[in-house]
Structure formats: structure tokens, C-alpha cells
Amino acid sequence: MPRMIDSFGDTYHCTVDSSPAGCIIHLRNEKMRDEWTCEVTFQNIDSLWSGSGPAMLCHAPFTAVGVLQDLIHGTSYCGTMYGSVTLTNKFSPYYMELQLKCQLQEVILEWKFPMVPKDVSALERRAASKALGSQEAVKLST
């Protein structure tokens, strides 16, 4: 299973489910078991493009996700590919970005996938228990 580490040091498993309509990227926190997702489709792939260079492949969700899978699995079917995948917490405890940067021959490609939690209530309960000092205080306050 491919692992990624966010800016707080939490480790996540990364998997990708594909269908003819698009792909869903899944991140699962190993310690807390939170699951984060991003759906990548033909309709939204252009909004995920963040590169400043030519947008030759920005309309192709399967290209972006294929490159992502190659990088997280440490394989490359294209011998001239170089890239990186980073996971950063942004703006809120309920939002992360999976940033994909790569170079295919002379073309530099960049995407930012917004990762959102599947179950926000689990994050809220954990934040409340941390603030209140215990799980029992959280139960009493709800």
C-alpha cells in the first residue's frame, strides 16, 4: 500500500478507484482511520489543473490519475517521467490538498486535488475531546 505523510506527520494510505466516468482518490489516516476523498471527472479536471505551462493534458483525468498512481507506487511506464506527490493541510482541519507535479519529456504538469473528509463528525469529535480534555466531556456536551 502506498503511504504518504502530511504536514503534521500523519501517515495516510493512498488508493485510486477508476471507472469510465472518472476516478476517486482515497486517503486513509493510519492512526485515526479517517478517510478523505477527491472525485476526478471529465467535468472537474480543468479546475484541478494548476500548471502555468501549456495545458496539453489538463483535460484528461485518466492522465493525471495515471501519473499519480505511477508516482505513489514508485513505478513508471514512461521512462522519461519525473515527478512528486505531496500532501498538505490547507486553511482548515477539514481540507487537504494532494499536489501532483511531474514532467513528461519537456511538458511540466501540475494538478491540485482537494481532499475532503468523508466523515466530518469524527474530526469534530476529536477536536472537541482535545479542547475539552476527554471523550466523556464530549459526550456530556452533545
Protein backbone atom coordinates (compact mmCIF):
# COMPACT_ATOMS: atom_id res chain seq x y z
CA MET A 1 0.00 0.00 0.00
CA PRO A 2 1.43 3.41 -0.92
CA ARG A 3 1.90 5.72 2.07
CA MET A 4 2.00 9.48 2.24
CA ILE A 5 2.82 11.79 5.16
CA ASP A 6 1.01 15.11 5.64
CA SER A 7 2.47 18.32 7.06
CA PHE A 8 1.56 17.24 10.63
CA GLY A 9 3.39 13.91 10.32
CA ASP A 10 0.25 11.75 10.00
CA THR A 11 0.59 8.79 7.65
CA TYR A 12 -2.04 8.04 5.01
CA HIS A 13 -2.67 5.10 2.66
CA CYS A 14 -3.47 6.27 -0.86
CA THR A 15 -5.64 4.28 -3.27
CA VAL A 16 -7.43 5.14 -6.50
CA ASP A 17 -10.68 3.66 -7.84
CA SER A 18 -11.31 4.11 -11.56
CA SER A 19 -14.45 3.87 -13.66
CA PRO A 20 -15.37 5.05 -17.17
CA ALA A 21 -16.80 8.26 -15.63
CA GLY A 22 -13.61 9.19 -13.78
CA CYS A 23 -11.64 8.30 -10.67
CA ILE A 24 -11.87 8.65 -6.91
CA ILE A 25 -8.70 9.22 -4.90
CA HIS A 26 -8.88 7.86 -1.35
CA LEU A 27 -6.60 8.74 1.56
CA ARG A 28 -6.95 6.88 4.85
CA ASN A 29 -5.25 8.06 8.02
CA GLU A 30 -3.46 5.03 9.50
CA LYS A 31 -3.77 6.18 13.10
CA MET A 32 -7.22 7.79 13.23
CA ARG A 33 -8.84 5.82 10.38
CA ASP A 34 -10.28 8.98 8.80
CA GLU A 35 -10.97 8.69 5.09
CA TRP A 36 -10.52 11.60 2.70
CA THR A 37 -11.63 11.59 -0.94
CA CYS A 38 -11.50 13.54 -4.18
CA GLU A 39 -13.55 12.69 -7.25
CA VAL A 40 -11.79 13.39 -10.56
CA THR A 41 -14.04 13.56 -13.62
CA PHE A 42 -14.03 15.00 -17.12
CA GLN A 43 -16.22 17.82 -15.78
CA ASN A 44 -13.90 18.94 -12.97
CA ILE A 45 -10.38 18.07 -14.16
CA ASP A 46 -9.81 21.52 -15.68
CA SER A 47 -10.46 23.17 -12.31
CA LEU A 48 -7.79 20.94 -10.73
CA TRP A 49 -5.11 21.99 -13.23
CA SER A 50 -2.65 24.36 -11.60
CA GLY A 51 0.25 24.37 -14.04
CA SER A 52 1.49 27.55 -15.59
CA GLY A 53 2.82 25.83 -18.70
CA PRO A 54 0.89 24.57 -21.69
CA ALA A 55 -2.27 22.73 -20.69
CA MET A 56 -1.86 19.96 -23.27
CA LEU A 57 -3.10 17.19 -20.97
CA CYS A 58 -5.20 19.14 -18.49
CA HIS A 59 -8.48 17.85 -19.96
CA ALA A 60 -7.61 14.21 -19.26
CA PRO A 61 -8.46 12.93 -15.77
CA PHE A 62 -7.04 9.50 -16.54
CA THR A 63 -3.69 11.03 -17.45
CA ALA A 64 -3.50 12.89 -14.14
CA VAL A 65 -4.59 9.90 -12.09
CA GLY A 66 -2.35 7.52 -14.08
CA VAL A 67 0.66 9.72 -13.34
CA LEU A 68 -0.43 9.89 -9.68
CA GLN A 69 -0.65 6.09 -9.48
CA ASP A 70 2.78 5.68 -11.08
CA LEU A 71 4.33 8.08 -8.58
CA ILE A 72 2.70 6.69 -5.43
CA HIS A 73 3.52 3.12 -6.45
CA GLY A 74 7.07 4.06 -7.43
CA THR A 75 6.72 2.80 -10.99
CA SER A 76 6.85 4.48 -14.34
CA TYR A 77 5.72 3.11 -17.66
CA CYS A 78 7.15 6.19 -19.34
CA GLY A 79 10.91 6.16 -18.93
CA THR A 80 11.30 9.94 -19.08
CA MET A 81 8.90 10.78 -16.25
CA TYR A 82 9.95 12.66 -13.14
CA GLY A 83 7.57 13.94 -10.50
CA SER A 84 6.47 14.33 -6.92
CA VAL A 85 3.32 13.96 -4.86
CA THR A 86 2.84 15.97 -1.67
CA LEU A 87 0.04 16.10 0.85
CA THR A 88 -0.50 19.43 2.60
CA ASN A 89 -3.02 20.64 5.14
CA LYS A 90 -4.59 23.89 3.97
CA PHE A 91 -6.69 26.57 5.62
CA SER A 92 -8.80 24.23 7.78
CA PRO A 93 -8.71 20.86 9.57
CA TYR A 94 -11.40 19.79 7.09
CA TYR A 95 -9.40 20.32 3.90
CA MET A 96 -6.15 18.97 2.46
CA GLU A 97 -4.56 19.17 -0.96
CA LEU A 98 -2.84 16.36 -2.78
CA GLN A 99 -0.41 18.13 -5.10
CA LEU A 100 0.91 16.31 -8.15
CA LYS A 101 3.80 17.72 -10.15
CA CYS A 102 5.53 15.88 -12.95
CA GLN A 103 7.45 16.31 -16.13
CA LEU A 104 6.73 14.20 -19.21
CA GLN A 105 9.55 14.88 -21.64
CA GLU A 106 9.51 18.71 -21.98
CA VAL A 107 5.99 19.21 -20.61
CA ILE A 108 5.56 20.17 -16.94
CA LEU A 109 2.22 19.10 -15.47
CA GLU A 110 0.67 20.19 -12.17
CA TRP A 111 -2.61 19.30 -10.50
CA LYS A 112 -4.02 20.04 -7.03
CA PHE A 113 -6.63 17.58 -5.81
CA PRO A 114 -8.86 18.91 -2.99
CA MET A 115 -9.21 16.16 -0.38
CA VAL A 116 -12.23 16.38 1.91
CA PRO A 117 -13.15 14.07 4.80
CA LYS A 118 -15.91 11.51 4.30
CA ASP A 119 -16.99 11.86 7.94
CA VAL A 120 -16.55 15.38 9.29
CA SER A 121 -18.24 14.46 12.59
CA ALA A 122 -15.33 12.18 13.57
CA LEU A 123 -12.91 15.08 13.11
CA GLU A 124 -15.19 17.38 15.09
CA ARG A 125 -15.49 14.89 17.97
CA ARG A 126 -11.71 14.50 18.13
CA ALA A 127 -11.16 18.27 18.09
CA ALA A 128 -13.79 18.71 20.81
CA SER A 129 -12.29 15.99 23.00
CA LYS A 130 -8.87 17.59 22.62
CA ALA A 131 -10.26 21.01 23.54
CA LEU A 132 -12.40 19.73 26.43
CA GLY A 133 -9.81 17.27 27.69
CA SER A 134 -11.68 13.96 27.40
CA GLN A 135 -14.16 11.89 25.43
CA GLU A 136 -16.55 11.96 28.42
CA ALA A 137 -16.74 15.77 28.24
CA VAL A 138 -17.65 15.48 24.56
CA LYS A 139 -20.47 13.00 25.36
CA LEU A 140 -21.83 15.32 28.05
CA SER A 141 -21.76 18.34 25.74
CA THR A 142 -23.75 16.66 22.94
